[in-house]
Amino acid sequence: MSGINKQSKSSSKNSILIVGGVIAIVSVLLFAYLMWYVAPEDNIETVKVVAVTESGCIAETLDGFAVNIGDCQAEPGEFIPAKVDQKTKERAALMNPTR
């Protein structure tokens, strides 16, 4: 009987290690994917200022995406260069398939 208990203990340790390893691998892959997906990719684009609000200037890119570019010293209707996150535009296009 003592041989059965020893075998059972080592088997349960192996199972725990395998499950822990799988969880660790999945979590690292998920973390890497999320970092790639949400990390900003800023480019300078010419945008048209649509409105100036308390939270910053709202502008429209030349391809029709609305973006908040932060504080600016522009009036509505002006074209200015601004940083625009390209991944935000990609996600917005995915959410609106009619574009």
PDB file of N, CA and C in Angstrom:
ATOM      1  N   MET A   1       0.802  -1.195   0.000  1.00  0.00           N
ATOM      2  CA  MET A   1       0.000   0.000   0.000  1.00  0.00           C
ATOM      3  C   MET A   1       0.843   1.256   0.000  1.00  0.00           C
ATOM      4  N   SER A   2       2.011   1.203   0.605  1.00  0.00           N
ATOM      5  CA  SER A   2       2.830   2.406   0.666  1.00  0.00           C
ATOM      6  C   SER A   2       3.342   2.777  -0.728  1.00  0.00           C
ATOM      7  N   GLY A   3       3.524   1.826  -1.607  1.00  0.00           N
ATOM      8  CA  GLY A   3       3.949   2.093  -2.973  1.00  0.00           C
ATOM      9  C   GLY A   3       2.890   2.835  -3.764  1.00  0.00           C
ATOM     10  N   ILE A   4       1.641   2.569  -3.496  1.00  0.00           N
ATOM     11  CA  ILE A   4       0.538   3.244  -4.182  1.00  0.00           C
ATOM     12  C   ILE A   4       0.491   4.712  -3.785  1.00  0.00           C
ATOM     13  N   ASN A   5       0.703   5.002  -2.523  1.00  0.00           N
ATOM     14  CA  ASN A   5       0.664   6.388  -2.051  1.00  0.00           C
ATOM     15  C   ASN A   5       1.803   7.205  -2.650  1.00  0.00           C
ATOM     16  N   LYS A   6       3.003   6.619  -2.748  1.00  0.00           N
ATOM     17  CA  LYS A   6       4.140   7.338  -3.321  1.00  0.00           C
ATOM     18  C   LYS A   6       3.904   7.645  -4.793  1.00  0.00           C
ATOM     19  N   GLN A   7       3.361   6.691  -5.506  1.00  0.00           N
ATOM     20  CA  GLN A   7       3.083   6.884  -6.925  1.00  0.00           C
ATOM     21  C   GLN A   7       1.993   7.944  -7.109  1.00  0.00           C
ATOM     22  N   SER A   8       1.018   7.948  -6.256  1.00  0.00           N
ATOM     23  CA  SER A   8      -0.070   8.913  -6.342  1.00  0.00           C
ATOM     24  C   SER A   8       0.430  10.323  -6.068  1.00  0.00           C
ATOM     25  N   LYS A   9       1.351  10.468  -5.118  1.00  0.00           N
ATOM     26  CA  LYS A   9       1.889  11.795  -4.785  1.00  0.00           C
ATOM     27  C   LYS A   9       2.710  12.355  -5.945  1.00  0.00           C
ATOM     28  N   SER A  10       3.558  11.539  -6.544  1.00  0.00           N
ATOM     29  CA  SER A  10       4.378  12.023  -7.657  1.00  0.00           C
ATOM     30  C   SER A  10       3.512  12.312  -8.876  1.00  0.00           C
ATOM     31  N   SER A  11       2.475  11.540  -9.069  1.00  0.00           N
ATOM     32  CA  SER A  11       1.553  11.779 -10.181  1.00  0.00           C
ATOM     33  C   SER A  11       0.810  13.096 -10.003  1.00  0.00           C
ATOM     34  N   SER A  12       0.379  13.398  -8.778  1.00  0.00           N
ATOM     35  CA  SER A  12      -0.338  14.652  -8.545  1.00  0.00           C
ATOM     36  C   SER A  12       0.611  15.839  -8.676  1.00  0.00           C
ATOM     37  N   LYS A  13       1.883  15.675  -8.275  1.00  0.00           N
ATOM     38  CA  LYS A  13       2.865  16.758  -8.448  1.00  0.00           C
ATOM     39  C   LYS A  13       3.093  17.043  -9.929  1.00  0.00           C
ATOM     40  N   ASN A  14       3.205  15.985 -10.725  1.00  0.00           N
ATOM     41  CA  ASN A  14       3.390  16.157 -12.169  1.00  0.00           C
ATOM     42  C   ASN A  14       2.191  16.850 -12.793  1.00  0.00           C
ATOM     43  N   SER A  15       1.008  16.464 -12.375  1.00  0.00           N
ATOM     44  CA  SER A  15      -0.206  17.100 -12.906  1.00  0.00           C
ATOM     45  C   SER A  15      -0.242  18.574 -12.560  1.00  0.00           C
ATOM     46  N   ILE A  16       0.115  18.926 -11.337  1.00  0.00           N
ATOM     47  CA  ILE A  16       0.123  20.331 -10.916  1.00  0.00           C
ATOM     48  C   ILE A  16       1.158  21.113 -11.713  1.00  0.00           C
ATOM     49  N   LEU A  17       2.323  20.531 -11.923  1.00  0.00           N
ATOM     50  CA  LEU A  17       3.366  21.206 -12.705  1.00  0.00           C
ATOM     51  C   LEU A  17       2.925  21.420 -14.152  1.00  0.00           C
ATOM     52  N   ILE A  18       2.286  20.436 -14.738  1.00  0.00           N
ATOM     53  CA  ILE A  18       1.815  20.558 -16.125  1.00  0.00           C
ATOM     54  C   ILE A  18       0.747  21.636 -16.233  1.00  0.00           C
ATOM     55  N   VAL A  19      -0.210  21.626 -15.335  1.00  0.00           N
ATOM     56  CA  VAL A  19      -1.279  22.635 -15.357  1.00  0.00           C
ATOM     57  C   VAL A  19      -0.694  24.020 -15.120  1.00  0.00           C
ATOM     58  N   GLY A  20       0.223  24.133 -14.167  1.00  0.00           N
ATOM     59  CA  GLY A  20       0.870  25.418 -13.902  1.00  0.00           C
ATOM     60  C   GLY A  20       1.655  25.914 -15.111  1.00  0.00           C
ATOM     61  N   GLY A  21       2.351  25.019 -15.781  1.00  0.00           N
ATOM     62  CA  GLY A  21       3.108  25.400 -16.971  1.00  0.00           C
ATOM     63  C   GLY A  21       2.209  25.873 -18.099  1.00  0.00           C
ATOM     64  N   VAL A  22       1.102  25.188 -18.304  1.00  0.00           N
ATOM     65  CA  VAL A  22       0.158  25.588 -19.350  1.00  0.00           C
ATOM     66  C   VAL A  22      -0.435  26.958 -19.031  1.00  0.00           C
ATOM     67  N   ILE A  23      -0.804  27.176 -17.783  1.00  0.00           N
ATOM     68  CA  ILE A  23      -1.354  28.477 -17.376  1.00  0.00           C
ATOM     69  C   ILE A  23      -0.317  29.580 -17.568  1.00  0.00           C
ATOM     70  N   ALA A  24       0.939  29.309 -17.222  1.00  0.00           N
ATOM     71  CA  ALA A  24       2.001  30.301 -17.388  1.00  0.00           C
ATOM     72  C   ALA A  24       2.211  30.641 -18.862  1.00  0.00           C
ATOM     73  N   ILE A  25       2.240  29.641 -19.721  1.00  0.00           N
ATOM     74  CA  ILE A  25       2.446  29.872 -21.156  1.00  0.00           C
ATOM     75  C   ILE A  25       1.288  30.674 -21.744  1.00  0.00           C
ATOM     76  N   VAL A  26       0.071  30.300 -21.395  1.00  0.00           N
ATOM     77  CA  VAL A  26      -1.101  31.011 -21.911  1.00  0.00           C
ATOM     78  C   VAL A  26      -1.097  32.455 -21.433  1.00  0.00           C
ATOM     79  N   SER A  27      -0.748  32.686 -20.167  1.00  0.00           N
ATOM     80  CA  SER A  27      -0.754  34.062 -19.663  1.00  0.00           C
ATOM     81  C   SER A  27       0.325  34.912 -20.326  1.00  0.00           C
ATOM     82  N   VAL A  28       1.496  34.350 -20.586  1.00  0.00           N
ATOM     83  CA  VAL A  28       2.555  35.103 -21.273  1.00  0.00           C
ATOM     84  C   VAL A  28       2.133  35.430 -22.702  1.00  0.00           C
ATOM     85  N   LEU A  29       1.532  34.488 -23.394  1.00  0.00           N
ATOM     86  CA  LEU A  29       1.075  34.737 -24.766  1.00  0.00           C
ATOM     87  C   LEU A  29      -0.036  35.784 -24.801  1.00  0.00           C
ATOM     88  N   LEU A  30      -0.966  35.709 -23.862  1.00  0.00           N
ATOM     89  CA  LEU A  30      -2.041  36.699 -23.787  1.00  0.00           C
ATOM     90  C   LEU A  30      -1.487  38.085 -23.492  1.00  0.00           C
ATOM     91  N   PHE A  31      -0.548  38.170 -22.565  1.00  0.00           N
ATOM     92  CA  PHE A  31       0.070  39.454 -22.241  1.00  0.00           C
ATOM     93  C   PHE A  31       0.794  40.038 -23.453  1.00  0.00           C
ATOM     94  N   ALA A  32       1.535  39.216 -24.177  1.00  0.00           N
ATOM     95  CA  ALA A  32       2.255  39.686 -25.362  1.00  0.00           C
ATOM     96  C   ALA A  32       1.279  40.172 -26.436  1.00  0.00           C
ATOM     97  N   TYR A  33       0.205  39.440 -26.651  1.00  0.00           N
ATOM     98  CA  TYR A  33      -0.788  39.846 -27.648  1.00  0.00           C
ATOM     99  C   TYR A  33      -1.439  41.163 -27.261  1.00  0.00           C
ATOM    100  N   LEU A  34      -1.824  41.302 -26.002  1.00  0.00           N
ATOM    101  CA  LEU A  34      -2.463  42.548 -25.568  1.00  0.00           C
ATOM    102  C   LEU A  34      -1.511  43.732 -25.677  1.00  0.00           C
ATOM    103  N   MET A  35      -0.241  43.539 -25.357  1.00  0.00           N
ATOM    104  CA  MET A  35       0.720  44.637 -25.471  1.00  0.00           C
ATOM    105  C   MET A  35       0.885  45.053 -26.931  1.00  0.00           C
ATOM    106  N   TRP A  36       0.880  44.086 -27.833  1.00  0.00           N
ATOM    107  CA  TRP A  36       0.995  44.414 -29.250  1.00  0.00           C
ATOM    108  C   TRP A  36      -0.272  45.119 -29.733  1.00  0.00           C
ATOM    109  N   TYR A  37      -1.434  44.684 -29.255  1.00  0.00           N
ATOM    110  CA  TYR A  37      -2.703  45.199 -29.743  1.00  0.00           C
ATOM    111  C   TYR A  37      -3.001  46.603 -29.231  1.00  0.00           C
ATOM    112  N   VAL A  38      -2.673  46.896 -27.991  1.00  0.00           N
ATOM    113  CA  VAL A  38      -3.051  48.184 -27.415  1.00  0.00           C
ATOM    114  C   VAL A  38      -1.913  49.190 -27.358  1.00  0.00           C
ATOM    115  N   ALA A  39      -0.695  48.806 -27.643  1.00  0.00           N
ATOM    116  CA  ALA A  39       0.416  49.753 -27.633  1.00  0.00           C
ATOM    117  C   ALA A  39       0.200  50.779 -28.738  1.00  0.00           C
ATOM    118  N   PRO A  40       0.309  52.063 -28.406  1.00  0.00           N
ATOM    119  CA  PRO A  40       0.039  53.087 -29.417  1.00  0.00           C
ATOM    120  C   PRO A  40       1.090  53.108 -30.529  1.00  0.00           C
ATOM    121  N   GLU A  41       0.629  53.475 -31.701  1.00  0.00           N
ATOM    122  CA  GLU A  41       1.504  53.644 -32.861  1.00  0.00           C
ATOM    123  C   GLU A  41       1.184  55.017 -33.437  1.00  0.00           C
ATOM    124  N   ASP A  42       1.865  56.037 -32.909  1.00  0.00           N
ATOM    125  CA  ASP A  42       1.560  57.408 -33.285  1.00  0.00           C
ATOM    126  C   ASP A  42       2.274  57.823 -34.563  1.00  0.00           C
ATOM    127  N   ASN A  43       1.535  58.473 -35.440  1.00  0.00           N
ATOM    128  CA  ASN A  43       2.072  59.079 -36.652  1.00  0.00           C
ATOM    129  C   ASN A  43       1.592  60.515 -36.705  1.00  0.00           C
ATOM    130  N   ILE A  44       2.366  61.359 -37.327  1.00  0.00           N
ATOM    131  CA  ILE A  44       1.953  62.745 -37.524  1.00  0.00           C
ATOM    132  C   ILE A  44       1.101  62.809 -38.788  1.00  0.00           C
ATOM    133  N   GLU A  45      -0.118  63.335 -38.635  1.00  0.00           N
ATOM    134  CA  GLU A  45      -1.024  63.490 -39.772  1.00  0.00           C
ATOM    135  C   GLU A  45      -1.579  64.904 -39.779  1.00  0.00           C
ATOM    136  N   THR A  46      -1.998  65.346 -40.936  1.00  0.00           N
ATOM    137  CA  THR A  46      -2.709  66.602 -41.035  1.00  0.00           C
ATOM    138  C   THR A  46      -4.173  66.342 -40.703  1.00  0.00           C
ATOM    139  N   VAL A  47      -4.685  67.097 -39.729  1.00  0.00           N
ATOM    140  CA  VAL A  47      -6.067  66.919 -39.288  1.00  0.00           C
ATOM    141  C   VAL A  47      -6.786  68.257 -39.351  1.00  0.00           C
ATOM    142  N   LYS A  48      -8.101  68.191 -39.464  1.00  0.00           N
ATOM    143  CA  LYS A  48      -8.938  69.389 -39.459  1.00  0.00           C
ATOM    144  C   LYS A  48      -9.591  69.497 -38.086  1.00  0.00           C
ATOM    145  N   VAL A  49      -9.365  70.601 -37.391  1.00  0.00           N
ATOM    146  CA  VAL A  49      -9.946  70.804 -36.073  1.00  0.00           C
ATOM    147  C   VAL A  49     -11.443  71.011 -36.240  1.00  0.00           C
ATOM    148  N   VAL A  50     -12.223  70.216 -35.522  1.00  0.00           N
ATOM    149  CA  VAL A  50     -13.676  70.287 -35.594  1.00  0.00           C
ATOM    150  C   VAL A  50     -14.221  71.102 -34.426  1.00  0.00           C
ATOM    151  N   ALA A  51     -13.652  70.874 -33.234  1.00  0.00           N
ATOM    152  CA  ALA A  51     -14.134  71.579 -32.045  1.00  0.00           C
ATOM    153  C   ALA A  51     -13.018  71.673 -31.017  1.00  0.00           C
ATOM    154  N   VAL A  52     -13.104  72.692 -30.185  1.00  0.00           N
ATOM    155  CA  VAL A  52     -12.187  72.847 -29.065  1.00  0.00           C
ATOM    156  C   VAL A  52     -13.023  72.674 -27.800  1.00  0.00           C
ATOM    157  N   THR A  53     -12.713  71.636 -27.011  1.00  0.00           N
ATOM    158  CA  THR A  53     -13.484  71.327 -25.809  1.00  0.00           C
ATOM    159  C   THR A  53     -12.588  71.394 -24.581  1.00  0.00           C
ATOM    160  N   GLU A  54     -13.180  71.152 -23.408  1.00  0.00           N
ATOM    161  CA  GLU A  54     -12.409  71.151 -22.167  1.00  0.00           C
ATOM    162  C   GLU A  54     -11.393  70.011 -22.139  1.00  0.00           C
ATOM    163  N   SER A  55     -11.705  68.903 -22.804  1.00  0.00           N
ATOM    164  CA  SER A  55     -10.797  67.751 -22.795  1.00  0.00           C
ATOM    165  C   SER A  55      -9.794  67.781 -23.946  1.00  0.00           C
ATOM    166  N   GLY A  56      -9.780  68.827 -24.726  1.00  0.00           N
ATOM    167  CA  GLY A  56      -8.823  68.958 -25.816  1.00  0.00           C
ATOM    168  C   GLY A  56      -9.512  69.245 -27.137  1.00  0.00           C
ATOM    169  N   CYS A  57      -8.725  69.280 -28.173  1.00  0.00           N
ATOM    170  CA  CYS A  57      -9.261  69.562 -29.502  1.00  0.00           C
ATOM    171  C   CYS A  57      -9.747  68.263 -30.146  1.00  0.00           C
ATOM    172  N   ILE A  58     -10.916  68.320 -30.720  1.00  0.00           N
ATOM    173  CA  ILE A  58     -11.455  67.203 -31.477  1.00  0.00           C
ATOM    174  C   ILE A  58     -11.191  67.521 -32.946  1.00  0.00           C
ATOM    175  N   ALA A  59     -10.568  66.567 -33.624  1.00  0.00           N
ATOM    176  CA  ALA A  59     -10.193  66.788 -35.018  1.00  0.00           C
ATOM    177  C   ALA A  59     -10.639  65.608 -35.860  1.00  0.00           C
ATOM    178  N   GLU A  60     -10.634  65.825 -37.156  1.00  0.00           N
ATOM    179  CA  GLU A  60     -10.977  64.769 -38.102  1.00  0.00           C
ATOM    180  C   GLU A  60      -9.792  64.574 -39.029  1.00  0.00           C
ATOM    181  N   THR A  61      -9.379  63.308 -39.170  1.00  0.00           N
ATOM    182  CA  THR A  61      -8.276  63.017 -40.076  1.00  0.00           C
ATOM    183  C   THR A  61      -8.771  63.136 -41.510  1.00  0.00           C
ATOM    184  N   LEU A  62      -7.840  63.164 -42.442  1.00  0.00           N
ATOM    185  CA  LEU A  62      -8.221  63.314 -43.841  1.00  0.00           C
ATOM    186  C   LEU A  62      -8.983  62.101 -44.371  1.00  0.00           C
ATOM    187  N   ASP A  63      -8.855  60.958 -43.684  1.00  0.00           N
ATOM    188  CA  ASP A  63      -9.630  59.784 -44.099  1.00  0.00           C
ATOM    189  C   ASP A  63     -10.902  59.606 -43.270  1.00  0.00           C
ATOM    190  N   GLY A  64     -11.298  60.630 -42.503  1.00  0.00           N
ATOM    191  CA  GLY A  64     -12.617  60.651 -41.882  1.00  0.00           C
ATOM    192  C   GLY A  64     -12.754  60.123 -40.472  1.00  0.00           C
ATOM    193  N   PHE A  65     -11.666  59.929 -39.732  1.00  0.00           N
ATOM    194  CA  PHE A  65     -11.752  59.446 -38.358  1.00  0.00           C
ATOM    195  C   PHE A  65     -11.691  60.615 -37.386  1.00  0.00           C
ATOM    196  N   ALA A  66     -12.573  60.615 -36.403  1.00  0.00           N
ATOM    197  CA  ALA A  66     -12.556  61.639 -35.365  1.00  0.00           C
ATOM    198  C   ALA A  66     -11.562  61.230 -34.285  1.00  0.00           C
ATOM    199  N   VAL A  67     -10.698  62.170 -33.891  1.00  0.00           N
ATOM    200  CA  VAL A  67      -9.686  61.898 -32.871  1.00  0.00           C
ATOM    201  C   VAL A  67      -9.597  63.072 -31.913  1.00  0.00           C
ATOM    202  N   ASN A  68      -9.261  62.772 -30.659  1.00  0.00           N
ATOM    203  CA  ASN A  68      -8.983  63.813 -29.685  1.00  0.00           C
ATOM    204  C   ASN A  68      -7.475  64.003 -29.670  1.00  0.00           C
ATOM    205  N   ILE A  69      -7.002  65.175 -30.056  1.00  0.00           N
ATOM    206  CA  ILE A  69      -5.564  65.405 -30.169  1.00  0.00           C
ATOM    207  C   ILE A  69      -4.994  66.143 -28.968  1.00  0.00           C
ATOM    208  N   GLY A  70      -5.810  66.379 -27.944  1.00  0.00           N
ATOM    209  CA  GLY A  70      -5.324  67.062 -26.748  1.00  0.00           C
ATOM    210  C   GLY A  70      -5.367  68.564 -26.935  1.00  0.00           C
ATOM    211  N   ASP A  71      -4.638  69.258 -26.081  1.00  0.00           N
ATOM    212  CA  ASP A  71      -4.629  70.730 -26.141  1.00  0.00           C
ATOM    213  C   ASP A  71      -4.011  71.220 -27.440  1.00  0.00           C
ATOM    214  N   CYS A  72      -4.624  72.232 -28.006  1.00  0.00           N
ATOM    215  CA  CYS A  72      -4.084  72.838 -29.216  1.00  0.00           C
ATOM    216  C   CYS A  72      -4.458  74.317 -29.241  1.00  0.00           C
ATOM    217  N   GLN A  73      -3.730  75.055 -30.008  1.00  0.00           N
ATOM    218  CA  GLN A  73      -3.977  76.492 -30.162  1.00  0.00           C
ATOM    219  C   GLN A  73      -4.556  76.761 -31.542  1.00  0.00           C
ATOM    220  N   ALA A  74      -5.643  76.087 -31.852  1.00  0.00           N
ATOM    221  CA  ALA A  74      -6.243  76.215 -33.178  1.00  0.00           C
ATOM    222  C   ALA A  74      -7.727  76.518 -33.046  1.00  0.00           C
ATOM    223  N   GLU A  75      -8.280  77.039 -34.106  1.00  0.00           N
ATOM    224  CA  GLU A  75      -9.710  77.328 -34.179  1.00  0.00           C
ATOM    225  C   GLU A  75     -10.384  76.253 -35.033  1.00  0.00           C
ATOM    226  N   PRO A  76     -11.667  76.014 -34.813  1.00  0.00           N
ATOM    227  CA  PRO A  76     -12.378  75.041 -35.661  1.00  0.00           C
ATOM    228  C   PRO A  76     -12.275  75.419 -37.138  1.00  0.00           C
ATOM    229  N   GLY A  77     -12.004  74.420 -37.958  1.00  0.00           N
ATOM    230  CA  GLY A  77     -11.857  74.630 -39.392  1.00  0.00           C
ATOM    231  C   GLY A  77     -10.412  74.681 -39.855  1.00  0.00           C
ATOM    232  N   GLU A  78      -9.471  74.858 -38.935  1.00  0.00           N
ATOM    233  CA  GLU A  78      -8.053  74.925 -39.308  1.00  0.00           C
ATOM    234  C   GLU A  78      -7.488  73.522 -39.518  1.00  0.00           C
ATOM    235  N   PHE A  79      -6.511  73.441 -40.412  1.00  0.00           N
ATOM    236  CA  PHE A  79      -5.773  72.201 -40.637  1.00  0.00           C
ATOM    237  C   PHE A  79      -4.438  72.315 -39.914  1.00  0.00           C
ATOM    238  N   ILE A  80      -4.138  71.336 -39.064  1.00  0.00           N
ATOM    239  CA  ILE A  80      -2.890  71.352 -38.313  1.00  0.00           C
ATOM    240  C   ILE A  80      -2.288  69.948 -38.301  1.00  0.00           C
ATOM    241  N   PRO A  81      -0.968  69.838 -38.124  1.00  0.00           N
ATOM    242  CA  PRO A  81      -0.365  68.514 -37.957  1.00  0.00           C
ATOM    243  C   PRO A  81      -0.553  68.052 -36.501  1.00  0.00           C
ATOM    244  N   ALA A  82      -0.862  66.793 -36.299  1.00  0.00           N
ATOM    245  CA  ALA A  82      -1.065  66.262 -34.949  1.00  0.00           C
ATOM    246  C   ALA A  82      -0.715  64.785 -34.907  1.00  0.00           C
ATOM    247  N   LYS A  83      -0.393  64.295 -33.701  1.00  0.00           N
ATOM    248  CA  LYS A  83      -0.147  62.865 -33.512  1.00  0.00           C
ATOM    249  C   LYS A  83      -1.476  62.137 -33.508  1.00  0.00           C
ATOM    250  N   VAL A  84      -1.558  61.074 -34.304  1.00  0.00           N
ATOM    251  CA  VAL A  84      -2.775  60.259 -34.378  1.00  0.00           C
ATOM    252  C   VAL A  84      -2.373  58.803 -34.180  1.00  0.00           C
ATOM    253  N   ASP A  85      -3.055  58.126 -33.257  1.00  0.00           N
ATOM    254  CA  ASP A  85      -2.781  56.711 -32.989  1.00  0.00           C
ATOM    255  C   ASP A  85      -3.402  55.869 -34.101  1.00  0.00           C
ATOM    256  N   GLN A  86      -2.567  55.195 -34.866  1.00  0.00           N
ATOM    257  CA  GLN A  86      -3.035  54.405 -36.005  1.00  0.00           C
ATOM    258  C   GLN A  86      -3.841  53.179 -35.559  1.00  0.00           C
ATOM    259  N   LYS A  87      -3.492  52.611 -34.419  1.00  0.00           N
ATOM    260  CA  LYS A  87      -4.222  51.429 -33.956  1.00  0.00           C
ATOM    261  C   LYS A  87      -5.634  51.788 -33.517  1.00  0.00           C
ATOM    262  N   THR A  88      -5.834  53.005 -33.017  1.00  0.00           N
ATOM    263  CA  THR A  88      -7.187  53.451 -32.688  1.00  0.00           C
ATOM    264  C   THR A  88      -8.023  53.543 -33.959  1.00  0.00           C
ATOM    265  N   LYS A  89      -7.419  54.042 -35.024  1.00  0.00           N
ATOM    266  CA  LYS A  89      -8.128  54.111 -36.302  1.00  0.00           C
ATOM    267  C   LYS A  89      -8.464  52.713 -36.823  1.00  0.00           C
ATOM    268  N   GLU A  90      -7.533  51.763 -36.672  1.00  0.00           N
ATOM    269  CA  GLU A  90      -7.796  50.391 -37.119  1.00  0.00           C
ATOM    270  C   GLU A  90      -8.950  49.778 -36.344  1.00  0.00           C
ATOM    271  N   ARG A  91      -8.962  49.982 -35.022  1.00  0.00           N
ATOM    272  CA  ARG A  91     -10.049  49.422 -34.208  1.00  0.00           C
ATOM    273  C   ARG A  91     -11.369  50.091 -34.550  1.00  0.00           C
ATOM    274  N   ALA A  92     -11.363  51.394 -34.813  1.00  0.00           N
ATOM    275  CA  ALA A  92     -12.593  52.084 -35.196  1.00  0.00           C
ATOM    276  C   ALA A  92     -13.113  51.547 -36.544  1.00  0.00           C
ATOM    277  N   ALA A  93     -12.213  51.267 -37.460  1.00  0.00           N
ATOM    278  CA  ALA A  93     -12.636  50.722 -38.759  1.00  0.00           C
ATOM    279  C   ALA A  93     -13.228  49.323 -38.594  1.00  0.00           C
ATOM    280  N   LEU A  94     -12.684  48.541 -37.677  1.00  0.00           N
ATOM    281  CA  LEU A  94     -13.216  47.208 -37.431  1.00  0.00           C
ATOM    282  C   LEU A  94     -14.618  47.267 -36.803  1.00  0.00           C
ATOM    283  N   MET A  95     -14.866  48.296 -36.021  1.00  0.00           N
ATOM    284  CA  MET A  95     -16.163  48.425 -35.368  1.00  0.00           C
ATOM    285  C   MET A  95     -17.240  48.941 -36.322  1.00  0.00           C
ATOM    286  N   ASN A  96     -16.823  49.578 -37.420  1.00  0.00           N
ATOM    287  CA  ASN A  96     -17.754  50.132 -38.380  1.00  0.00           C
ATOM    288  C   ASN A  96     -17.437  49.557 -39.765  1.00  0.00           C
ATOM    289  N   PRO A  97     -17.957  48.407 -40.085  1.00  0.00           N
ATOM    290  CA  PRO A  97     -17.590  47.745 -41.350  1.00  0.00           C
ATOM    291  C   PRO A  97     -18.146  48.403 -42.604  1.00  0.00           C
ATOM    292  N   THR A  98     -18.977  49.447 -42.468  1.00  0.00           N
ATOM    293  CA  THR A  98     -19.554  50.088 -43.648  1.00  0.00           C
ATOM    294  C   THR A  98     -18.588  51.072 -44.295  1.00  0.00           C
ATOM    295  N   ARG A  99     -17.461  51.343 -43.656  1.00  0.00           N
ATOM    296  CA  ARG A  99     -16.493  52.289 -44.232  1.00  0.00           C
ATOM    297  C   ARG A  99     -15.796  51.679 -45.392  1.00  0.00           C
TER     298      ARG A  99
END
